[in-house]
Amino acid sequence: MERVLPALDKFIIAALFVFVFFSMFSISVTQVASGLGGLAWFFRTHFSESIEKQQWPLGIPFALYVLACLLAVINAYDVQYSFGSLKKLLEIFIFFWVVNCVREDRLRDSLALLLIIAAFIAGLLGFYQAWKNGVTVLDRIEGTMSVYMTFAGLLMLAGMMALSRALFKRPKEVWIWAAVVVIATCILFTLTRQAWFGFLVGILFLGFVWKKKYFLISLALMLFIAFTSSAQVKNRFQSFLLPKNETFVEQVKYRIHGIITGNDYNFDVRLALWRGGWKIFKDYPLTGCGFRCVDVVISQYPDPTGFVKRHRGMHNNFVQLAVDTGVLGLTAWFGIWACFFCLLYKRASALKGEPSAEWIVLGSAASGFAFLAGGVFETNFYDSEVVMVLYFVMALPFAGSKKLKPKLK
């Protein structure tokens, strides 16, 4: 036994490093690493008889969400069809795996830094693709993933950690700004507006924490200009955003123009999906109609645009969860986030004045806000690549030495 436990510890640490690095490159390797690492954690806990020493932050909210998902499948429109999606609940163990197996601050910081480095490398690959093929709405940068939305979502989460480290880590690391710039620019290359929105929300949160006074003054000034500008100025600004050619800058202007004017095909699609989701939810309000149920019930509902039948997903985390798991699942999901941010607030207060660890908490919070904001226009909660990294980032503030110093008054 004296030899087994150290061997398991080394295996778990190796699995963690493989999981983090390949999370930006290969879902297969990431899943294998997390699966084997999770099994090693289980055996280590069993052999050391240390189950009572394991930490379970957010255990109750996660358990309630799992229960709601089970009820949703039991009461699903097609139980057999929805049952397979329950395997995604196994991804939750990544959160507890990281919390309990990353027992040193140095290891926690190394893993967080490795995520940033991996995202930086993935971003450089995105730069190469942009240089080689150009960037258009019809040919977006997919980077290391097969779908540009997944790539953008991963960069968004890693970018929040990178920006938090650049702003709050002491001593300062100037080189980390290079990673921030590459990641942020590559997110632009994807032309994925939900990732833009999430990244912006994360920046606003970190900016508020970093320099509250200057942030509030700048925000008030921008809002004042936006609401007091004449119609002529607004029309000129909108005219400026109209694309004049197929270059990357003009493509970005085109995407922003659609957001500002509201005259956007993709937004119209989302509105149609949300209306269709609302109709389904009204018939299955308590536990939903089960995962992937839209595939089998859509023929029973009017779909004049044809968008619901074509896309099936709701392109919104909240609407999707309401349809699939009903009020119970959606409420439990909100409970996870409410408890998460409350715990982070307590930990940030306890770590006040300790920038070596505070940046982890703030980066995790910013990632959470970015994920939720992006999830308003995309069902990123069902994207396994993104969710696995999300659970890792959420776990970091609860990992490490567990020795939080109370705030001195």
Protein backbone atom coordinates (compact mmCIF):
# COMPACT_ATOMS: atom_id res chain seq x y z
CA MET A 1 0.00 0.00 0.00
CA GLU A 2 2.91 2.36 0.69
CA ARG A 3 3.91 2.03 -2.97
CA VAL A 4 0.42 2.08 -4.42
CA LEU A 5 -0.69 5.47 -3.08
CA PRO A 6 2.35 7.44 -4.36
CA ALA A 7 1.97 5.73 -7.73
CA LEU A 8 -1.71 6.69 -7.87
CA ASP A 9 -0.84 10.28 -6.90
CA LYS A 10 1.66 10.53 -9.76
CA PHE A 11 -0.84 9.00 -12.18
CA ILE A 12 -3.55 11.46 -11.12
CA ILE A 13 -1.22 14.44 -11.54
CA ALA A 14 -0.18 13.22 -14.99
CA ALA A 15 -3.84 12.76 -15.95
CA LEU A 16 -4.62 16.30 -14.79
CA PHE A 17 -1.87 17.79 -16.94
CA VAL A 18 -2.93 15.75 -19.98
CA PHE A 19 -6.58 16.71 -19.40
CA VAL A 20 -5.82 20.43 -19.19
CA PHE A 21 -3.46 20.66 -22.14
CA PHE A 22 -5.48 18.53 -24.55
CA SER A 23 -8.77 20.21 -23.57
CA MET A 24 -7.85 22.75 -26.27
CA PHE A 25 -6.98 20.14 -28.89
CA SER A 26 -8.74 16.77 -28.56
CA ILE A 27 -11.96 15.82 -26.81
CA SER A 28 -11.05 12.13 -27.03
CA VAL A 29 -7.76 12.52 -25.16
CA THR A 30 -9.43 14.88 -22.68
CA GLN A 31 -12.19 12.42 -21.92
CA VAL A 32 -9.78 9.50 -21.55
CA ALA A 33 -7.54 11.51 -19.22
CA SER A 34 -10.46 12.60 -17.03
CA GLY A 35 -11.91 9.09 -16.98
CA LEU A 36 -8.67 7.38 -15.99
CA GLY A 37 -7.81 10.15 -13.56
CA GLY A 38 -11.23 9.85 -11.97
CA LEU A 39 -10.83 6.09 -11.55
CA ALA A 40 -7.41 6.62 -9.97
CA TRP A 41 -8.98 9.12 -7.55
CA PHE A 42 -11.64 6.55 -6.65
CA PHE A 43 -9.07 3.80 -5.98
CA ARG A 44 -6.85 6.15 -4.00
CA THR A 45 -9.78 7.19 -1.84
CA HIS A 46 -10.72 3.54 -1.30
CA PHE A 47 -7.22 2.31 -0.49
CA SER A 48 -6.46 5.23 1.86
CA GLU A 49 -9.93 5.03 3.47
CA SER A 50 -10.21 8.80 3.17
CA ILE A 51 -13.74 9.24 1.89
CA GLU A 52 -14.58 11.44 4.86
CA LYS A 53 -11.71 13.76 3.94
CA GLN A 54 -13.01 14.45 0.45
CA GLN A 55 -14.41 17.90 -0.23
CA TRP A 56 -17.81 18.34 -1.87
CA PRO A 57 -18.43 22.06 -2.48
CA LEU A 58 -21.65 22.57 -4.46
CA GLY A 59 -22.46 18.94 -3.73
CA ILE A 60 -26.08 19.60 -2.80
CA PRO A 61 -26.86 21.89 -5.80
CA PHE A 62 -25.25 19.44 -8.20
CA ALA A 63 -27.14 16.52 -6.59
CA LEU A 64 -30.44 18.37 -6.98
CA TYR A 65 -29.68 19.06 -10.62
CA VAL A 66 -28.85 15.38 -11.23
CA LEU A 67 -32.11 14.40 -9.54
CA ALA A 68 -34.03 16.83 -11.74
CA CYS A 69 -32.39 15.34 -14.84
CA LEU A 70 -33.32 11.82 -13.75
CA LEU A 71 -36.92 12.89 -13.21
CA ALA A 72 -36.90 14.57 -16.63
CA VAL A 73 -35.83 11.31 -18.29
CA ILE A 74 -38.25 9.16 -16.28
CA ASN A 75 -41.11 11.43 -17.37
CA ALA A 76 -39.74 12.05 -20.86
CA TYR A 77 -41.89 11.90 -23.96
CA ASP A 78 -39.57 9.15 -25.22
CA VAL A 79 -37.63 7.66 -22.29
CA GLN A 80 -35.36 5.47 -24.40
CA TYR A 81 -34.45 8.34 -26.72
CA SER A 82 -33.62 10.70 -23.83
CA PHE A 83 -31.82 8.17 -21.64
CA GLY A 84 -28.53 8.29 -23.53
CA SER A 85 -28.02 11.95 -22.75
CA LEU A 86 -27.67 11.17 -19.03
CA LYS A 87 -24.05 10.21 -19.66
CA LYS A 88 -23.26 13.93 -19.82
CA LEU A 89 -23.90 14.05 -16.07
CA LEU A 90 -20.62 12.16 -15.61
CA GLU A 91 -18.82 15.36 -16.63
CA ILE A 92 -19.79 16.84 -13.25
CA PHE A 93 -17.23 14.52 -11.61
CA ILE A 94 -14.50 16.59 -13.27
CA PHE A 95 -15.33 19.37 -10.84
CA PHE A 96 -14.94 17.17 -7.76
CA TRP A 97 -11.93 15.35 -9.25
CA VAL A 98 -10.04 18.63 -9.54
CA VAL A 99 -11.17 19.89 -6.13
CA ASN A 100 -9.96 16.78 -4.32
CA CYS A 101 -6.88 15.83 -6.35
CA VAL A 102 -5.29 19.27 -6.69
CA ARG A 103 -4.17 19.59 -3.08
CA GLU A 104 -1.31 22.08 -3.48
CA ASP A 105 -1.42 25.72 -4.54
CA ARG A 106 1.60 25.23 -6.78
CA LEU A 107 -0.10 22.42 -8.69
CA ARG A 108 -3.30 24.45 -8.99
CA ASP A 109 -1.43 27.46 -10.39
CA SER A 110 0.58 25.28 -12.77
CA LEU A 111 -2.59 23.73 -14.19
CA ALA A 112 -4.25 27.12 -14.59
CA LEU A 113 -1.15 28.44 -16.36
CA LEU A 114 -1.05 25.37 -18.60
CA LEU A 115 -4.64 26.08 -19.70
CA ILE A 116 -3.60 29.60 -20.70
CA ILE A 117 -0.55 28.33 -22.58
CA ALA A 118 -2.61 25.70 -24.40
CA ALA A 119 -5.15 28.35 -25.41
CA PHE A 120 -2.29 30.59 -26.58
CA ILE A 121 -0.94 27.80 -28.80
CA ALA A 122 -4.43 27.03 -30.11
CA GLY A 123 -4.87 30.74 -30.82
CA LEU A 124 -1.65 30.80 -32.85
CA LEU A 125 -3.06 27.97 -34.95
CA GLY A 126 -6.15 30.11 -35.44
CA PHE A 127 -3.90 32.96 -36.64
CA TYR A 128 -2.31 30.60 -39.17
CA GLN A 129 -5.72 29.55 -40.48
CA ALA A 130 -6.78 33.19 -40.78
CA TRP A 131 -3.60 34.03 -42.68
CA LYS A 132 -3.93 31.02 -44.97
CA ASN A 133 -7.66 31.03 -45.74
CA GLY A 134 -8.88 34.46 -44.69
CA VAL A 135 -11.87 35.10 -42.46
CA THR A 136 -15.45 35.34 -43.68
CA VAL A 137 -18.85 34.45 -42.26
CA LEU A 138 -18.88 31.41 -44.54
CA ASP A 139 -15.32 30.37 -43.65
CA ARG A 140 -14.75 31.03 -39.96
CA ILE A 141 -11.74 30.06 -37.91
CA GLU A 142 -12.27 26.68 -36.25
CA GLY A 143 -8.80 26.38 -34.76
CA THR A 144 -8.23 23.06 -33.06
CA MET A 145 -11.91 22.12 -32.99
CA SER A 146 -14.30 20.98 -35.71
CA VAL A 147 -16.82 23.73 -34.91
CA TYR A 148 -15.98 27.43 -34.62
CA MET A 149 -18.49 27.94 -31.77
CA THR A 150 -16.75 25.31 -29.65
CA PHE A 151 -13.34 26.82 -30.38
CA ALA A 152 -14.59 30.29 -29.48
CA GLY A 153 -16.17 29.00 -26.26
CA LEU A 154 -12.92 27.35 -25.14
CA LEU A 155 -10.90 30.47 -25.90
CA MET A 156 -13.44 32.58 -24.02
CA LEU A 157 -13.00 30.60 -20.80
CA ALA A 158 -9.21 30.43 -21.04
CA GLY A 159 -9.10 34.10 -22.00
CA MET A 160 -10.87 35.08 -18.80
CA MET A 161 -8.27 33.22 -16.76
CA ALA A 162 -5.46 34.84 -18.74
CA LEU A 163 -6.86 38.35 -18.31
CA SER A 164 -7.43 37.82 -14.60
CA ARG A 165 -3.84 36.64 -14.18
CA ALA A 166 -2.55 39.64 -16.13
CA LEU A 167 -4.53 42.12 -14.02
CA PHE A 168 -4.31 40.66 -10.52
CA LYS A 169 -1.33 38.27 -10.27
CA ARG A 170 1.66 39.64 -8.37
CA PRO A 171 4.45 39.97 -9.28
CA LYS A 172 3.21 41.09 -12.67
CA GLU A 173 3.88 38.90 -15.69
CA VAL A 174 4.07 41.14 -18.75
CA TRP A 175 4.32 38.20 -21.13
CA ILE A 176 0.83 37.02 -20.19
CA TRP A 177 -0.60 39.99 -22.09
CA ALA A 178 0.64 38.38 -25.31
CA ALA A 179 -1.59 35.40 -24.55
CA VAL A 180 -4.52 37.71 -23.80
CA VAL A 181 -4.09 39.55 -27.11
CA VAL A 182 -3.75 36.35 -29.16
CA ILE A 183 -6.76 34.70 -27.50
CA ALA A 184 -8.97 37.80 -27.78
CA THR A 185 -8.02 38.36 -31.43
CA CYS A 186 -8.65 34.72 -32.29
CA ILE A 187 -12.12 34.99 -30.72
CA LEU A 188 -12.73 37.85 -33.14
CA PHE A 189 -11.55 35.63 -36.00
CA THR A 190 -14.28 33.09 -35.20
CA LEU A 191 -16.93 35.76 -35.83
CA THR A 192 -18.91 34.11 -33.03
CA ARG A 193 -20.97 36.85 -31.43
CA GLN A 194 -22.09 34.87 -28.37
CA ALA A 195 -18.41 34.37 -27.50
CA TRP A 196 -17.80 38.07 -28.12
CA PHE A 197 -20.65 38.90 -25.78
CA GLY A 198 -19.47 36.49 -23.11
CA PHE A 199 -15.90 37.75 -23.34
CA LEU A 200 -17.14 41.34 -23.07
CA VAL A 201 -19.21 40.55 -19.97
CA GLY A 202 -16.18 38.87 -18.39
CA ILE A 203 -14.03 41.92 -19.19
CA LEU A 204 -16.61 44.23 -17.64
CA PHE A 205 -16.63 42.15 -14.45
CA LEU A 206 -12.84 42.10 -14.17
CA GLY A 207 -12.65 45.80 -15.04
CA PHE A 208 -15.14 46.62 -12.29
CA VAL A 209 -13.14 44.67 -9.71
CA TRP A 210 -9.82 46.08 -10.92
CA LYS A 211 -10.64 49.80 -11.00
CA LYS A 212 -14.17 50.41 -9.74
CA LYS A 213 -14.11 54.20 -9.90
CA TYR A 214 -12.63 54.52 -13.37
CA PHE A 215 -14.79 51.70 -14.65
CA LEU A 216 -18.02 53.32 -13.46
CA ILE A 217 -17.01 56.71 -14.85
CA SER A 218 -16.14 55.21 -18.25
CA LEU A 219 -19.36 53.20 -18.36
CA ALA A 220 -21.47 56.22 -17.42
CA LEU A 221 -19.73 58.29 -20.11
CA MET A 222 -20.34 55.68 -22.80
CA LEU A 223 -24.01 55.34 -21.85
CA PHE A 224 -24.40 59.12 -21.85
CA ILE A 225 -22.94 59.38 -25.35
CA ALA A 226 -25.09 56.49 -26.61
CA PHE A 227 -28.37 57.94 -25.31
CA THR A 228 -27.71 61.61 -26.12
CA SER A 229 -26.30 61.19 -29.62
CA SER A 230 -28.47 62.65 -32.34
CA ALA A 231 -30.23 60.47 -34.86
CA GLN A 232 -27.86 61.78 -37.51
CA VAL A 233 -24.81 60.61 -35.56
CA LYS A 234 -26.38 57.20 -34.96
CA ASN A 235 -27.21 56.83 -38.67
CA ARG A 236 -23.65 57.74 -39.62
CA PHE A 237 -22.32 55.17 -37.17
CA GLN A 238 -24.60 52.49 -38.59
CA SER A 239 -23.56 53.44 -42.11
CA PHE A 240 -19.93 53.09 -41.10
CA LEU A 241 -20.64 49.53 -39.93
CA LEU A 242 -22.12 48.49 -43.28
CA PRO A 243 -19.61 46.12 -44.93
CA LYS A 244 -17.97 47.35 -48.13
CA ASN A 245 -16.01 44.21 -49.04
CA GLU A 246 -15.12 40.72 -47.82
CA THR A 247 -12.11 41.65 -45.65
CA PHE A 248 -11.96 40.57 -42.01
CA VAL A 249 -12.51 44.08 -40.64
CA GLU A 250 -15.59 44.53 -42.79
CA GLN A 251 -16.91 41.13 -41.67
CA VAL A 252 -16.55 42.21 -38.04
CA LYS A 253 -18.39 45.46 -38.84
CA TYR A 254 -21.14 43.44 -40.48
CA ARG A 255 -21.58 41.25 -37.39
CA ILE A 256 -21.69 44.30 -35.11
CA HIS A 257 -24.13 46.07 -37.43
CA GLY A 258 -26.59 43.20 -37.06
CA ILE A 259 -26.40 43.44 -33.27
CA ILE A 260 -27.01 47.20 -33.18
CA THR A 261 -29.79 47.41 -35.75
CA GLY A 262 -31.51 44.15 -34.81
CA ASN A 263 -31.85 43.45 -38.52
CA ASP A 264 -30.10 40.10 -38.41
CA TYR A 265 -31.10 36.75 -39.87
CA ASN A 266 -29.45 34.68 -37.11
CA PHE A 267 -31.26 36.63 -34.41
CA ASP A 268 -34.56 36.05 -36.20
CA VAL A 269 -33.76 32.33 -36.20
CA ARG A 270 -33.13 32.39 -32.46
CA LEU A 271 -36.38 34.22 -31.80
CA ALA A 272 -38.24 31.55 -33.74
CA LEU A 273 -36.47 28.81 -31.78
CA TRP A 274 -37.26 30.45 -28.44
CA ARG A 275 -40.93 30.85 -29.37
CA GLY A 276 -41.06 27.20 -30.37
CA GLY A 277 -39.35 26.20 -27.13
CA TRP A 278 -41.85 28.20 -25.11
CA LYS A 279 -44.75 26.36 -26.75
CA ILE A 280 -43.21 22.99 -25.90
CA PHE A 281 -42.38 24.07 -22.34
CA LYS A 282 -45.98 25.08 -21.66
CA ASP A 283 -47.05 21.47 -22.27
CA TYR A 284 -44.29 19.97 -20.07
CA PRO A 285 -43.67 22.64 -17.42
CA LEU A 286 -42.61 20.58 -14.39
CA THR A 287 -40.03 18.06 -15.57
CA GLY A 288 -39.79 18.93 -19.26
CA CYS A 289 -40.18 16.47 -22.10
CA GLY A 290 -36.73 14.91 -21.73
CA PHE A 291 -33.35 15.42 -23.36
CA ARG A 292 -33.42 15.71 -27.16
CA CYS A 293 -37.21 15.62 -26.98
CA VAL A 294 -37.58 18.36 -29.58
CA ASP A 295 -36.57 15.79 -32.21
CA VAL A 296 -39.66 13.69 -31.50
CA VAL A 297 -42.30 16.26 -30.50
CA ILE A 298 -41.71 19.03 -33.01
CA SER A 299 -44.19 17.52 -35.50
CA GLN A 300 -46.96 18.25 -33.00
CA TYR A 301 -46.33 22.02 -32.99
CA PRO A 302 -46.69 24.69 -35.64
CA ASP A 303 -43.34 25.68 -37.12
CA PRO A 304 -44.07 28.23 -39.85
CA THR A 305 -40.44 29.20 -40.32
CA GLY A 306 -39.11 25.63 -40.27
CA PHE A 307 -36.24 26.77 -38.04
CA VAL A 308 -37.15 24.57 -35.06
CA LYS A 309 -37.26 21.41 -37.16
CA ARG A 310 -34.00 22.33 -38.88
CA HIS A 311 -31.97 23.33 -35.81
CA ARG A 312 -33.83 21.40 -33.06
CA GLY A 313 -31.62 22.98 -30.38
CA MET A 314 -32.89 26.17 -28.76
CA HIS A 315 -29.62 28.18 -28.98
CA ASN A 316 -30.18 29.31 -25.41
CA ASN A 317 -29.18 27.45 -22.24
CA PHE A 318 -32.18 28.64 -20.27
CA VAL A 319 -34.80 27.80 -22.89
CA GLN A 320 -33.12 24.46 -23.65
CA LEU A 321 -33.05 23.40 -20.00
CA ALA A 322 -36.64 24.53 -19.53
CA VAL A 323 -37.74 22.39 -22.49
CA ASP A 324 -35.64 19.36 -21.53
CA THR A 325 -35.88 19.37 -17.73
CA GLY A 326 -38.72 21.76 -16.90
CA VAL A 327 -38.93 24.13 -13.98
CA LEU A 328 -37.25 21.64 -11.66
CA GLY A 329 -34.14 21.29 -13.80
CA LEU A 330 -33.88 24.98 -14.62
CA THR A 331 -34.29 25.96 -10.96
CA ALA A 332 -31.65 23.43 -9.87
CA TRP A 333 -29.29 24.75 -12.54
CA PHE A 334 -29.78 28.32 -11.31
CA GLY A 335 -29.13 27.02 -7.79
CA ILE A 336 -25.70 25.73 -8.84
CA TRP A 337 -24.69 29.14 -10.10
CA ALA A 338 -26.15 31.04 -7.14
CA CYS A 339 -24.23 28.86 -4.68
CA PHE A 340 -21.10 29.02 -6.83
CA PHE A 341 -20.94 32.81 -6.88
CA CYS A 342 -21.79 33.04 -3.17
CA LEU A 343 -18.92 30.71 -2.31
CA LEU A 344 -16.57 32.62 -4.58
CA TYR A 345 -17.50 35.88 -2.87
CA LYS A 346 -16.62 34.38 0.51
CA ARG A 347 -13.32 33.04 -0.78
CA ALA A 348 -12.42 36.32 -2.47
CA SER A 349 -13.08 38.13 0.83
CA ALA A 350 -10.89 35.66 2.69
CA LEU A 351 -8.11 36.04 0.11
CA LYS A 352 -8.16 39.84 0.03
CA GLY A 353 -4.61 41.07 -0.18
CA GLU A 354 -3.25 37.74 -1.48
CA PRO A 355 -2.96 38.33 -5.25
CA SER A 356 -1.10 35.05 -5.71
CA ALA A 357 -4.41 33.23 -5.18
CA GLU A 358 -7.03 35.96 -5.66
CA TRP A 359 -6.62 35.96 -9.43
CA ILE A 360 -7.78 32.34 -9.55
CA VAL A 361 -11.06 33.21 -7.83
CA LEU A 362 -11.69 36.28 -9.99
CA GLY A 363 -10.78 34.43 -13.18
CA SER A 364 -13.15 31.60 -12.30
CA ALA A 365 -15.95 34.07 -11.57
CA ALA A 366 -15.30 35.94 -14.84
CA SER A 367 -15.38 32.63 -16.73
CA GLY A 368 -18.71 31.81 -15.12
CA PHE A 369 -20.21 35.17 -16.07
CA ALA A 370 -18.83 34.85 -19.62
CA PHE A 371 -20.26 31.35 -19.99
CA LEU A 372 -23.71 32.42 -18.77
CA ALA A 373 -23.74 35.49 -21.01
CA GLY A 374 -22.70 33.49 -24.07
CA GLY A 375 -25.35 30.92 -23.18
CA VAL A 376 -28.08 33.46 -23.83
CA PHE A 377 -27.51 32.98 -27.57
CA GLU A 378 -26.02 29.48 -27.70
CA THR A 379 -26.62 26.17 -25.92
CA ASN A 380 -23.00 25.96 -24.79
CA PHE A 381 -23.98 23.95 -21.70
CA TYR A 382 -24.53 20.94 -23.97
CA ASP A 383 -21.11 21.34 -25.60
CA SER A 384 -18.94 18.73 -23.85
CA GLU A 385 -15.62 20.31 -24.83
CA VAL A 386 -16.65 23.63 -23.32
CA VAL A 387 -18.35 22.17 -20.24
CA MET A 388 -15.35 20.04 -19.27
CA VAL A 389 -13.12 23.13 -19.24
CA LEU A 390 -15.85 25.05 -17.43
CA TYR A 391 -15.96 22.49 -14.60
CA PHE A 392 -12.17 22.60 -14.36
CA VAL A 393 -12.14 26.39 -14.10
CA MET A 394 -15.03 26.36 -11.60
CA ALA A 395 -13.10 23.90 -9.40
CA LEU A 396 -9.85 25.88 -9.22
CA PRO A 397 -10.91 28.27 -6.40
CA PHE A 398 -11.79 25.26 -4.23
CA ALA A 399 -8.57 23.38 -5.02
CA GLY A 400 -5.11 23.89 -3.56
CA SER A 401 -4.08 23.84 0.06
CA LYS A 402 -7.58 24.67 1.39
CA LYS A 403 -5.97 27.04 3.88
CA LEU A 404 -7.80 30.32 3.49
CA LYS A 405 -6.78 33.14 5.73
CA PRO A 406 -9.64 35.18 7.18
CA LYS A 407 -9.80 38.81 6.27
CA LEU A 408 -8.11 40.96 8.88
CA LYS A 409 -9.87 44.09 10.04
